[in-house]
Amino acid sequence: MLQEPQVDLYKAIRTLYDEKKRVDRLISSLEQVKARGLDRARPATSIRRGRKRMTAAERLEVSQRMKRYWAARRQQPGSETASDPVPAATPLLGS
């Protein structure tokens, strides 16, 4: 006959009591956090994603700067933008 392995009940009970103490401490600490009102999510003002919004003055400044940039590019000799704004299409191989 096969015998079932012996289970140390005292050790199993002690392990479960230790786990129960740990869970009770966690519950207690979470209740303290809730009582202090710290469980609410923080406002998302510190984490900003996406583009920065520009004011009208900033948009005007960027516009003027880009106009100067493109005017300077058009005045450069050998610039592709001065003679042909759209480059010629390259022929496909095998056609």
N, C-alpha and C. Protein backbone atom coordinates (compact mmCIF):
# COMPACT_ATOMS: atom_id res chain seq x y z
N MET A 1 0.82 -1.18 0.00
CA MET A 1 0.00 0.00 0.00
C MET A 1 0.87 1.24 0.00
N LEU A 2 0.39 2.23 -0.73
CA LEU A 2 1.10 3.50 -0.76
C LEU A 2 0.64 4.37 0.39
N GLN A 3 1.59 4.98 1.05
CA GLN A 3 1.23 5.88 2.14
C GLN A 3 1.23 7.31 1.63
N GLU A 4 0.30 8.09 2.13
CA GLU A 4 0.26 9.51 1.78
C GLU A 4 1.39 10.22 2.53
N PRO A 5 1.99 11.24 1.87
CA PRO A 5 3.08 11.94 2.56
C PRO A 5 2.54 12.67 3.79
N GLN A 6 3.38 12.70 4.80
CA GLN A 6 3.00 13.35 6.04
C GLN A 6 3.05 14.86 5.85
N VAL A 7 2.02 15.56 6.27
CA VAL A 7 1.96 17.01 6.19
C VAL A 7 2.15 17.53 7.61
N ASP A 8 3.07 18.44 7.74
CA ASP A 8 3.33 19.04 9.04
C ASP A 8 2.27 20.12 9.25
N LEU A 9 1.20 19.76 9.94
CA LEU A 9 0.09 20.69 10.14
C LEU A 9 0.52 21.92 10.93
N TYR A 10 1.38 21.74 11.90
CA TYR A 10 1.84 22.88 12.71
C TYR A 10 2.55 23.89 11.82
N LYS A 11 3.41 23.40 10.91
CA LYS A 11 4.14 24.30 10.02
C LYS A 11 3.18 25.00 9.04
N ALA A 12 2.20 24.28 8.52
CA ALA A 12 1.24 24.86 7.59
C ALA A 12 0.41 25.95 8.27
N ILE A 13 -0.03 25.68 9.50
CA ILE A 13 -0.82 26.66 10.26
C ILE A 13 0.03 27.89 10.56
N ARG A 14 1.27 27.70 10.95
CA ARG A 14 2.16 28.82 11.25
C ARG A 14 2.39 29.68 10.00
N THR A 15 2.57 29.03 8.85
CA THR A 15 2.76 29.75 7.59
C THR A 15 1.52 30.58 7.26
N LEU A 16 0.35 30.00 7.45
CA LEU A 16 -0.89 30.73 7.16
C LEU A 16 -1.08 31.91 8.11
N TYR A 17 -0.74 31.74 9.39
CA TYR A 17 -0.85 32.86 10.34
C TYR A 17 0.12 33.99 9.96
N ASP A 18 1.33 33.63 9.53
CA ASP A 18 2.27 34.66 9.09
C ASP A 18 1.73 35.42 7.88
N GLU A 19 1.15 34.69 6.95
CA GLU A 19 0.56 35.33 5.77
C GLU A 19 -0.62 36.22 6.17
N LYS A 20 -1.42 35.78 7.14
CA LYS A 20 -2.55 36.58 7.61
C LYS A 20 -2.07 37.87 8.25
N LYS A 21 -0.98 37.82 9.02
CA LYS A 21 -0.43 39.04 9.63
C LYS A 21 0.03 40.01 8.56
N ARG A 22 0.68 39.48 7.52
CA ARG A 22 1.16 40.33 6.43
C ARG A 22 -0.02 41.00 5.71
N VAL A 23 -1.06 40.24 5.43
CA VAL A 23 -2.24 40.80 4.76
C VAL A 23 -2.92 41.84 5.65
N ASP A 24 -3.01 41.58 6.94
CA ASP A 24 -3.62 42.55 7.86
C ASP A 24 -2.83 43.86 7.89
N ARG A 25 -1.50 43.77 7.86
CA ARG A 25 -0.68 45.00 7.83
C ARG A 25 -0.92 45.77 6.54
N LEU A 26 -1.01 45.07 5.42
CA LEU A 26 -1.26 45.74 4.14
C LEU A 26 -2.62 46.42 4.14
N ILE A 27 -3.63 45.75 4.64
CA ILE A 27 -4.97 46.34 4.71
C ILE A 27 -4.94 47.58 5.58
N SER A 28 -4.28 47.49 6.72
CA SER A 28 -4.19 48.63 7.63
C SER A 28 -3.51 49.83 6.96
N SER A 29 -2.41 49.58 6.25
CA SER A 29 -1.71 50.70 5.61
C SER A 29 -2.55 51.31 4.50
N LEU A 30 -3.29 50.49 3.75
CA LEU A 30 -4.16 51.02 2.70
C LEU A 30 -5.31 51.83 3.28
N GLU A 31 -5.83 51.39 4.42
CA GLU A 31 -6.90 52.16 5.07
C GLU A 31 -6.38 53.51 5.55
N GLN A 32 -5.13 53.57 6.02
CA GLN A 32 -4.55 54.84 6.44
C GLN A 32 -4.38 55.78 5.25
N VAL A 33 -3.94 55.24 4.13
CA VAL A 33 -3.79 56.06 2.92
C VAL A 33 -5.14 56.62 2.51
N LYS A 34 -6.17 55.80 2.55
CA LYS A 34 -7.51 56.25 2.18
C LYS A 34 -8.01 57.31 3.15
N ALA A 35 -7.75 57.13 4.44
CA ALA A 35 -8.21 58.08 5.45
C ALA A 35 -7.55 59.44 5.27
N ARG A 36 -6.31 59.45 4.80
CA ARG A 36 -5.59 60.72 4.59
C ARG A 36 -6.00 61.39 3.28
N GLY A 37 -6.75 60.68 2.44
CA GLY A 37 -7.17 61.25 1.17
C GLY A 37 -6.09 61.19 0.11
N LEU A 38 -5.10 60.34 0.31
CA LEU A 38 -4.00 60.24 -0.64
C LEU A 38 -4.30 59.24 -1.76
N ASP A 39 -5.48 58.63 -1.73
CA ASP A 39 -5.78 57.61 -2.73
C ASP A 39 -6.28 58.21 -4.04
N ARG A 40 -6.56 59.52 -4.04
CA ARG A 40 -7.01 60.16 -5.28
C ARG A 40 -5.85 60.29 -6.25
N ALA A 41 -6.17 60.20 -7.50
CA ALA A 41 -5.13 60.33 -8.53
C ALA A 41 -4.60 61.76 -8.54
N ARG A 42 -3.34 61.89 -8.83
CA ARG A 42 -2.74 63.22 -8.91
C ARG A 42 -3.18 63.89 -10.20
N PRO A 43 -3.27 65.20 -10.18
CA PRO A 43 -3.65 65.88 -11.42
C PRO A 43 -2.57 65.70 -12.48
N ALA A 44 -2.99 65.67 -13.72
CA ALA A 44 -2.07 65.40 -14.82
C ALA A 44 -1.32 66.64 -15.28
N THR A 45 -1.27 67.68 -14.46
CA THR A 45 -0.60 68.89 -14.89
C THR A 45 0.90 68.70 -14.97
N SER A 46 1.45 67.79 -14.19
CA SER A 46 2.89 67.60 -14.22
C SER A 46 3.34 66.75 -15.41
N ILE A 47 2.44 65.95 -15.93
CA ILE A 47 2.77 65.11 -17.08
C ILE A 47 2.06 65.70 -18.28
N ARG A 48 2.82 66.39 -19.11
CA ARG A 48 2.22 67.04 -20.27
C ARG A 48 2.67 66.32 -21.53
N ARG A 49 1.73 65.93 -22.32
CA ARG A 49 2.04 65.24 -23.56
C ARG A 49 1.47 66.04 -24.72
N GLY A 50 2.02 65.81 -25.87
CA GLY A 50 1.52 66.48 -27.06
C GLY A 50 2.27 67.78 -27.32
N ARG A 51 1.73 68.56 -28.21
CA ARG A 51 2.38 69.80 -28.61
C ARG A 51 2.09 70.93 -27.64
N LYS A 52 3.06 71.82 -27.56
CA LYS A 52 2.89 73.04 -26.77
C LYS A 52 2.01 73.98 -27.57
N ARG A 53 1.13 74.64 -26.93
CA ARG A 53 0.26 75.61 -27.60
C ARG A 53 1.04 76.90 -27.80
N MET A 54 0.90 77.49 -29.00
CA MET A 54 1.60 78.74 -29.30
C MET A 54 0.63 79.91 -29.25
N THR A 55 1.12 81.00 -28.75
CA THR A 55 0.32 82.21 -28.76
C THR A 55 0.35 82.81 -30.15
N ALA A 56 -0.49 83.80 -30.40
CA ALA A 56 -0.53 84.46 -31.70
C ALA A 56 0.81 85.13 -31.99
N ALA A 57 1.43 85.73 -30.99
CA ALA A 57 2.72 86.39 -31.17
C ALA A 57 3.80 85.37 -31.55
N GLU A 58 3.76 84.20 -30.94
CA GLU A 58 4.74 83.16 -31.27
C GLU A 58 4.54 82.64 -32.68
N ARG A 59 3.27 82.48 -33.09
CA ARG A 59 3.00 82.03 -34.46
C ARG A 59 3.49 83.06 -35.47
N LEU A 60 3.28 84.34 -35.19
CA LEU A 60 3.75 85.41 -36.07
C LEU A 60 5.27 85.39 -36.18
N GLU A 61 5.94 85.20 -35.07
CA GLU A 61 7.41 85.15 -35.07
C GLU A 61 7.92 83.98 -35.90
N VAL A 62 7.31 82.83 -35.77
CA VAL A 62 7.70 81.66 -36.55
C VAL A 62 7.44 81.92 -38.03
N SER A 63 6.31 82.52 -38.34
CA SER A 63 5.96 82.81 -39.72
C SER A 63 6.99 83.74 -40.36
N GLN A 64 7.34 84.80 -39.68
CA GLN A 64 8.33 85.74 -40.21
C GLN A 64 9.70 85.07 -40.38
N ARG A 65 10.08 84.26 -39.41
CA ARG A 65 11.37 83.57 -39.49
C ARG A 65 11.40 82.62 -40.68
N MET A 66 10.31 81.88 -40.93
CA MET A 66 10.27 80.95 -42.05
C MET A 66 10.23 81.70 -43.38
N LYS A 67 9.55 82.83 -43.44
CA LYS A 67 9.56 83.64 -44.68
C LYS A 67 10.97 84.10 -45.01
N ARG A 68 11.72 84.56 -43.99
CA ARG A 68 13.11 84.96 -44.21
C ARG A 68 13.95 83.78 -44.67
N TYR A 69 13.73 82.63 -44.06
CA TYR A 69 14.48 81.43 -44.40
C TYR A 69 14.26 81.05 -45.86
N TRP A 70 12.98 80.99 -46.29
CA TRP A 70 12.70 80.58 -47.66
C TRP A 70 13.12 81.63 -48.67
N ALA A 71 13.05 82.91 -48.31
CA ALA A 71 13.54 83.96 -49.20
C ALA A 71 15.04 83.80 -49.42
N ALA A 72 15.78 83.50 -48.37
CA ALA A 72 17.22 83.30 -48.48
C ALA A 72 17.52 82.06 -49.32
N ARG A 73 16.72 81.02 -49.17
CA ARG A 73 16.92 79.80 -49.96
C ARG A 73 16.68 80.06 -51.44
N ARG A 74 15.68 80.87 -51.77
CA ARG A 74 15.39 81.17 -53.16
C ARG A 74 16.50 81.99 -53.80
N GLN A 75 17.21 82.79 -53.04
CA GLN A 75 18.26 83.66 -53.57
C GLN A 75 19.58 82.92 -53.77
N GLN A 76 19.74 81.76 -53.20
CA GLN A 76 21.00 81.02 -53.35
C GLN A 76 21.14 80.50 -54.77
N PRO A 77 22.34 80.64 -55.36
CA PRO A 77 22.54 80.11 -56.71
C PRO A 77 22.54 78.58 -56.67
N GLY A 78 21.98 77.99 -57.73
CA GLY A 78 21.95 76.54 -57.81
C GLY A 78 20.89 75.90 -56.94
N SER A 79 20.03 76.71 -56.39
CA SER A 79 18.97 76.17 -55.54
C SER A 79 17.89 75.56 -56.42
N GLU A 80 17.43 74.38 -56.07
CA GLU A 80 16.37 73.72 -56.85
C GLU A 80 15.06 74.47 -56.73
N THR A 81 14.84 75.13 -55.62
CA THR A 81 13.57 75.82 -55.42
C THR A 81 13.45 77.04 -56.31
N ALA A 82 14.59 77.62 -56.75
CA ALA A 82 14.53 78.82 -57.59
C ALA A 82 14.08 78.49 -58.99
N SER A 83 14.57 77.39 -59.57
CA SER A 83 14.27 77.11 -60.96
C SER A 83 13.07 76.18 -61.12
N ASP A 84 13.01 75.12 -60.36
CA ASP A 84 11.96 74.13 -60.54
C ASP A 84 11.46 73.69 -59.17
N PRO A 85 10.31 74.20 -58.77
CA PRO A 85 9.83 73.84 -57.44
C PRO A 85 9.46 72.37 -57.32
N VAL A 86 9.08 71.71 -58.44
CA VAL A 86 8.72 70.30 -58.40
C VAL A 86 9.79 69.54 -59.18
N PRO A 87 10.54 68.64 -58.53
CA PRO A 87 11.59 67.91 -59.24
C PRO A 87 10.97 66.98 -60.27
N ALA A 88 11.71 66.74 -61.37
CA ALA A 88 11.24 65.85 -62.41
C ALA A 88 11.14 64.43 -61.88
N ALA A 89 10.16 63.71 -62.37
CA ALA A 89 9.98 62.34 -61.93
C ALA A 89 11.07 61.47 -62.52
N THR A 90 11.61 60.56 -61.73
CA THR A 90 12.65 59.67 -62.22
C THR A 90 11.98 58.51 -62.94
N PRO A 91 12.52 58.10 -64.09
CA PRO A 91 11.89 56.98 -64.82
C PRO A 91 12.05 55.68 -64.04
N LEU A 92 11.05 54.84 -64.12
CA LEU A 92 11.10 53.54 -63.45
C LEU A 92 11.96 52.60 -64.26
N LEU A 93 12.65 51.72 -63.59
CA LEU A 93 13.46 50.72 -64.27
C LEU A 93 12.56 49.73 -64.98
N GLY A 94 12.95 49.36 -66.20
CA GLY A 94 12.21 48.38 -66.94
C GLY A 94 11.02 48.93 -67.69
N SER A 95 10.85 50.25 -67.73
CA SER A 95 9.70 50.78 -68.48
C SER A 95 10.14 51.49 -69.72
